Amino acid sequence: MAVTAALVKELRDKTGAGMMDAKKALTETDGDMDGAIDWLRTKGLAKADKKAGRTAAEGLVAVQADGGTGVAIEVNSETDFVAKNEEFQSMVLGFAKAAMTAADLDALKSAEIGGKSASDILTDAIAKIGENMQLRRMAKIEGDNVTSYVHNAAADGMGKIGVLVAYSGDDEEFARGVGMHIAAINPAALSEADLDPAVVEKEKQIQMDIARESGKPEAVIEKMIGGRMQKWLSEVTLLNQAYVKAEDGKTTVGDAAAAAGVTITGFIRLAVGEGIEKQEEDFAAEVAKVAKG
């Protein structure tokens, strides 16, 4: 029986095996689907489908920056053990480099790296390492210059939090310091103009409701809200936040940037596992999971 591309795709969908492994399995079994599945199982290559439902909230964020372009990606695994694995780190680095020329996450997943698509490389890694993994996010930024900062680095250019800072000016060291600030403080936006108006309005209503609980007149409340909203904006917008590296503890990021001759034009911050509901397990349970594969 002829081994068609449709058969290979069907087998891959059923087992999660890599393209070449699926093709070889079908060739070895003369196109018999059930036989090919059994062949993959005996070779230990049909694991990926069994892992897909398991929570992958660990892993790495990797960043790359070149001139005025920067990219950050997140690749998840089930345990932090895998994030420390050199093969996993090498795979993540390959994805990050490919992301520099990819338009978006879907394009990255299809990008060819060493003769295989990123998706196939990930599927092969799942089968080999025995954990669910996901190429979850990709974000790109452009500016006159882009620099990067990685917090809690596991290897060069990758760690638990990755930050990219787009800026104009010549002081890259200062811009990288802003990246450190972003990693630590996690601002919601660059400035008030970059905040979602619905988010601003919701916060205003919350502050109004809090103020009304005091029983003060509406005219007084209106004045109170102005000050409270300014305080809130100073907490959530990067340029209005107190710069963590400022010795006086008061100088804002915007003022510090102006003094350094730098204009911050944008940023990206990715942290491993943010937004993923993670099941808590004790250390012994995590070790047992790894041992079982």
Protein backbone atom coordinates (compact mmCIF):
# COMPACT_ATOMS: atom_id res chain seq x y z
CA MET A 1 0.00 0.00 0.00
CA ALA A 2 1.33 3.43 -0.94
CA VAL A 3 2.34 5.68 1.94
CA THR A 4 0.63 8.99 1.19
CA ALA A 5 1.02 12.36 2.85
CA ALA A 6 -2.58 12.04 4.10
CA LEU A 7 -1.73 8.75 5.86
CA VAL A 8 1.35 10.26 7.45
CA LYS A 9 -0.69 13.20 8.73
CA GLU A 10 -3.39 10.89 10.11
CA LEU A 11 -0.80 8.82 11.97
CA ARG A 12 0.88 11.93 13.36
CA ASP A 13 -2.48 13.28 14.55
CA LYS A 14 -3.22 10.00 16.32
CA THR A 15 0.15 9.48 17.94
CA GLY A 16 1.98 12.80 18.07
CA ALA A 17 5.00 11.18 16.42
CA GLY A 18 7.35 13.17 14.20
CA MET A 19 6.83 13.24 10.45
CA MET A 20 9.80 11.05 9.56
CA ASP A 21 8.98 8.55 12.30
CA ALA A 22 5.36 8.35 11.12
CA LYS A 23 6.46 7.81 7.53
CA LYS A 24 8.91 5.09 8.54
CA ALA A 25 6.27 3.33 10.65
CA LEU A 26 3.84 3.24 7.73
CA THR A 27 6.56 2.04 5.39
CA GLU A 28 7.54 -0.74 7.78
CA THR A 29 3.92 -1.88 8.11
CA ASP A 30 2.94 -1.46 4.44
CA GLY A 31 0.55 1.39 5.21
CA ASP A 32 -1.41 -0.42 7.93
CA MET A 33 -2.53 2.27 10.40
CA ASP A 34 -3.02 0.03 13.45
CA GLY A 35 0.25 -1.75 12.74
CA ALA A 36 2.05 1.56 12.39
CA ILE A 37 0.69 2.74 15.74
CA ASP A 38 1.93 -0.48 17.37
CA TRP A 39 5.31 -0.05 15.65
CA LEU A 40 5.65 3.46 17.05
CA ARG A 41 4.66 2.29 20.52
CA THR A 42 7.31 -0.42 20.51
CA LYS A 43 9.89 2.16 19.51
CA GLY A 44 8.72 4.55 22.24
CA LEU A 45 7.74 7.19 19.68
CA ALA A 46 4.00 7.41 20.32
CA LYS A 47 4.17 9.21 23.64
CA ALA A 48 3.30 12.74 22.66
CA ASP A 49 -0.46 12.20 22.48
CA LYS A 50 -0.50 10.81 26.02
CA LYS A 51 1.23 13.90 27.37
CA ALA A 52 -0.90 16.53 25.65
CA GLY A 53 -3.47 16.82 28.43
CA ARG A 54 -0.95 17.35 31.21
CA THR A 55 -0.26 20.81 32.58
CA ALA A 56 2.91 22.41 31.23
CA ALA A 57 3.55 25.50 33.33
CA GLU A 58 7.33 25.35 33.70
CA GLY A 59 9.91 25.88 30.96
CA LEU A 60 11.81 28.86 29.62
CA VAL A 61 11.39 32.26 28.05
CA ALA A 62 14.07 33.07 25.46
CA VAL A 63 14.90 36.47 23.98
CA GLN A 64 16.84 37.56 20.92
CA ALA A 65 17.68 41.12 19.88
CA ASP A 66 19.50 42.44 16.85
CA GLY A 67 19.65 46.15 16.06
CA GLY A 68 16.10 47.46 16.04
CA THR A 69 14.31 44.11 16.26
CA GLY A 70 13.70 41.86 19.23
CA VAL A 71 11.67 38.72 19.86
CA ALA A 72 10.64 36.77 22.95
CA ILE A 73 9.22 33.25 23.01
CA GLU A 74 7.91 30.94 25.72
CA VAL A 75 8.33 27.17 25.59
CA ASN A 76 6.67 25.24 28.40
CA SER A 77 7.39 21.90 30.03
CA GLU A 78 5.80 20.07 32.93
CA THR A 79 8.76 20.28 35.30
CA ASP A 80 11.65 22.58 36.01
CA PHE A 81 13.99 19.59 35.57
CA VAL A 82 13.38 19.72 31.82
CA ALA A 83 14.05 23.46 31.71
CA LYS A 84 17.55 22.72 33.00
CA ASN A 85 18.13 20.06 30.33
CA GLU A 86 20.73 21.10 27.72
CA GLU A 87 18.78 19.49 24.87
CA PHE A 88 15.65 21.41 25.85
CA GLN A 89 17.62 24.65 26.10
CA SER A 90 19.20 24.05 22.69
CA MET A 91 15.75 23.50 21.20
CA VAL A 92 14.41 26.70 22.78
CA LEU A 93 17.40 28.67 21.47
CA GLY A 94 16.76 27.33 17.97
CA PHE A 95 13.13 28.42 18.19
CA ALA A 96 14.12 31.90 19.39
CA LYS A 97 16.57 32.39 16.52
CA ALA A 98 13.96 31.23 14.00
CA ALA A 99 11.43 33.61 15.55
CA MET A 100 13.54 36.61 14.48
CA THR A 101 12.36 36.07 10.89
CA ALA A 102 8.90 34.63 11.64
CA ALA A 103 5.85 36.84 11.33
CA ASP A 104 3.91 35.26 14.21
CA LEU A 105 3.56 32.14 16.36
CA ASP A 106 1.90 30.07 13.62
CA ALA A 107 4.70 30.97 11.22
CA LEU A 108 7.27 30.01 13.84
CA LYS A 109 5.66 26.62 14.38
CA SER A 110 5.93 25.98 10.64
CA ALA A 111 9.45 27.40 10.32
CA GLU A 112 12.09 24.91 9.19
CA ILE A 113 15.01 24.41 11.57
CA GLY A 114 17.65 21.94 10.47
CA GLY A 115 15.32 20.24 8.01
CA LYS A 116 12.34 19.91 10.37
CA SER A 117 9.52 22.25 11.31
CA ALA A 118 9.53 23.66 14.83
CA SER A 119 6.33 21.70 15.52
CA ASP A 120 7.97 18.42 14.50
CA ILE A 121 11.03 19.19 16.60
CA LEU A 122 8.79 19.80 19.60
CA THR A 123 6.82 16.60 19.00
CA ASP A 124 10.04 14.61 18.79
CA ALA A 125 11.25 16.18 22.04
CA ILE A 126 7.98 15.25 23.79
CA ALA A 127 8.42 11.63 22.70
CA LYS A 128 12.06 11.55 23.76
CA ILE A 129 11.89 13.44 27.05
CA GLY A 130 8.47 12.17 28.07
CA GLU A 131 6.80 15.40 29.13
CA ASN A 132 4.12 17.56 27.62
CA MET A 133 5.67 20.68 26.04
CA GLN A 134 4.20 23.68 24.29
CA LEU A 135 5.57 26.42 22.09
CA ARG A 136 3.09 28.77 23.70
CA ARG A 137 3.85 32.41 22.94
CA MET A 138 5.86 34.69 20.72
CA ALA A 139 6.08 38.48 20.85
CA LYS A 140 8.08 40.80 18.62
CA ILE A 141 9.07 44.45 19.03
CA GLU A 142 10.83 47.02 16.85
CA GLY A 143 12.42 50.39 17.49
CA ASP A 144 15.54 52.44 16.80
CA ASN A 145 17.31 50.06 19.18
CA VAL A 146 16.22 46.99 21.12
CA THR A 147 18.00 45.46 24.10
CA SER A 148 17.13 42.52 26.32
CA TYR A 149 17.22 41.45 29.94
CA VAL A 150 16.70 37.96 31.37
CA HIS A 151 15.86 37.34 35.01
CA ASN A 152 16.88 34.11 36.70
CA ALA A 153 18.81 32.99 33.61
CA ALA A 154 19.16 29.26 32.99
CA ALA A 155 21.46 29.84 30.00
CA ASP A 156 22.50 32.73 27.79
CA GLY A 157 19.38 34.58 26.61
CA MET A 158 16.83 32.42 28.41
CA GLY A 159 15.32 32.15 31.86
CA LYS A 160 12.14 32.56 33.88
CA ILE A 161 11.42 36.15 32.80
CA GLY A 162 12.48 37.73 29.52
CA VAL A 163 12.23 41.45 28.75
CA LEU A 164 12.80 43.43 25.57
CA VAL A 165 13.11 47.22 25.63
CA ALA A 166 12.80 49.37 22.51
CA TYR A 167 14.46 52.77 22.80
CA SER A 168 16.14 55.64 21.03
CA GLY A 169 19.43 57.03 22.27
CA ASP A 170 22.90 55.63 22.85
CA ASP A 171 22.81 54.43 26.46
CA GLU A 172 22.15 50.68 26.15
CA GLU A 173 23.22 50.07 29.75
CA PHE A 174 20.46 52.37 30.97
CA ALA A 175 17.92 50.68 28.68
CA ARG A 176 18.93 47.28 30.05
CA GLY A 177 18.46 48.68 33.55
CA VAL A 178 14.91 49.59 32.56
CA GLY A 179 14.53 45.99 31.43
CA MET A 180 15.50 44.91 34.95
CA HIS A 181 12.90 47.30 36.35
CA ILE A 182 10.23 45.86 34.03
CA ALA A 183 11.10 42.32 35.10
CA ALA A 184 10.75 43.26 38.76
CA ILE A 185 7.73 45.59 38.72
CA ASN A 186 5.73 44.28 35.74
CA PRO A 187 4.08 47.48 34.47
CA ALA A 188 0.80 47.11 32.60
CA ALA A 189 1.70 49.60 29.85
CA LEU A 190 4.30 52.13 28.75
CA SER A 191 2.14 55.17 29.50
CA GLU A 192 -1.46 56.15 30.12
CA ALA A 193 -2.02 56.45 26.36
CA ASP A 194 -1.16 52.76 25.97
CA LEU A 195 -3.66 51.52 28.55
CA ASP A 196 -6.95 50.02 27.44
CA PRO A 197 -9.56 52.79 28.01
CA ALA A 198 -11.97 50.16 29.37
CA VAL A 199 -9.41 49.21 32.04
CA VAL A 200 -8.95 52.87 33.01
CA GLU A 201 -12.71 53.43 33.21
CA LYS A 202 -13.19 50.29 35.30
CA GLU A 203 -10.54 51.44 37.77
CA LYS A 204 -12.17 54.88 37.95
CA GLN A 205 -15.53 53.31 38.77
CA ILE A 206 -13.94 51.17 41.47
CA GLN A 207 -12.33 54.22 43.03
CA MET A 208 -15.66 56.11 42.81
CA ASP A 209 -17.46 53.29 44.61
CA ILE A 210 -14.81 53.20 47.32
CA ALA A 211 -15.02 56.96 47.78
CA ARG A 212 -18.83 56.91 48.00
CA GLU A 213 -18.60 54.45 50.87
CA SER A 214 -17.08 57.32 52.87
CA GLY A 215 -20.34 59.28 52.56
CA LYS A 216 -18.64 62.40 51.22
CA PRO A 217 -20.46 64.74 48.78
CA GLU A 218 -20.10 64.06 45.02
CA ALA A 219 -18.13 67.29 44.47
CA VAL A 220 -15.54 66.17 47.03
CA ILE A 221 -15.49 62.68 45.59
CA GLU A 222 -14.67 64.02 42.12
CA LYS A 223 -11.61 65.79 43.52
CA MET A 224 -10.57 62.69 45.43
CA ILE A 225 -10.79 60.54 42.30
CA GLY A 226 -8.35 62.73 40.37
CA GLY A 227 -5.63 62.13 42.93
CA ARG A 228 -6.38 58.45 43.29
CA MET A 229 -6.27 57.87 39.54
CA GLN A 230 -2.92 59.64 39.30
CA LYS A 231 -1.58 57.38 42.04
CA TRP A 232 -2.90 54.31 40.22
CA LEU A 233 -1.32 55.42 36.94
CA SER A 234 2.01 55.91 38.70
CA GLU A 235 1.80 52.27 39.79
CA VAL A 236 0.81 50.61 36.50
CA THR A 237 2.52 52.65 33.76
CA LEU A 238 6.25 52.22 33.19
CA LEU A 239 7.21 55.84 32.57
CA ASN A 240 5.39 57.00 35.71
CA GLN A 241 6.74 54.32 38.04
CA ALA A 242 9.49 55.09 40.54
CA TYR A 243 12.65 53.70 38.94
CA VAL A 244 13.99 50.81 41.03
CA LYS A 245 17.60 51.83 40.40
CA ALA A 246 17.08 55.46 41.43
CA GLU A 247 18.87 56.18 44.71
CA ASP A 248 16.22 58.62 45.93
CA GLY A 249 13.39 56.11 45.42
CA LYS A 250 11.29 58.83 43.80
CA THR A 251 12.69 59.54 40.32
CA THR A 252 10.38 58.07 37.70
CA VAL A 253 11.53 55.88 34.84
CA GLY A 254 10.53 58.66 32.43
CA ASP A 255 12.61 61.27 34.24
CA ALA A 256 15.58 58.92 34.58
CA ALA A 257 15.39 58.15 30.87
CA ALA A 258 15.33 61.84 29.97
CA ALA A 259 18.40 62.42 32.13
CA ALA A 260 20.18 59.57 30.34
CA GLY A 261 19.26 60.93 26.91
CA VAL A 262 17.07 57.90 26.23
CA THR A 263 13.47 57.63 25.08
CA ILE A 264 11.74 54.34 25.90
CA THR A 265 9.34 53.56 23.05
CA GLY A 266 8.03 50.13 24.01
CA PHE A 267 8.63 46.91 25.90
CA ILE A 268 7.72 43.23 26.07
CA ARG A 269 7.74 41.13 29.22
CA LEU A 270 7.12 37.38 29.21
CA ALA A 271 7.23 35.24 32.36
CA VAL A 272 7.13 31.47 32.32
CA GLY A 273 3.72 30.01 33.04
CA GLU A 274 1.83 33.27 33.60
CA GLY A 275 -1.87 32.69 33.04
CA ILE A 276 -1.58 28.91 33.34
CA GLU A 277 -3.43 27.28 36.21
CA LYS A 278 -0.81 25.08 37.81
CA GLN A 279 -1.50 22.06 39.96
CA GLU A 280 0.62 22.19 43.09
CA GLU A 281 2.69 19.10 43.77
CA ASP A 282 5.28 18.35 46.41
CA PHE A 283 8.88 17.69 45.44
CA ALA A 284 8.57 13.91 45.89
CA ALA A 285 5.57 13.78 43.56
CA GLU A 286 7.43 15.77 40.93
CA VAL A 287 10.40 13.40 41.09
CA ALA A 288 8.07 10.40 40.84
CA LYS A 289 6.42 11.86 37.75
CA VAL A 290 9.77 12.33 36.05
CA ALA A 291 10.84 8.79 36.96
CA LYS A 292 7.68 7.32 35.45
CA GLY A 293 8.06 9.27 32.19
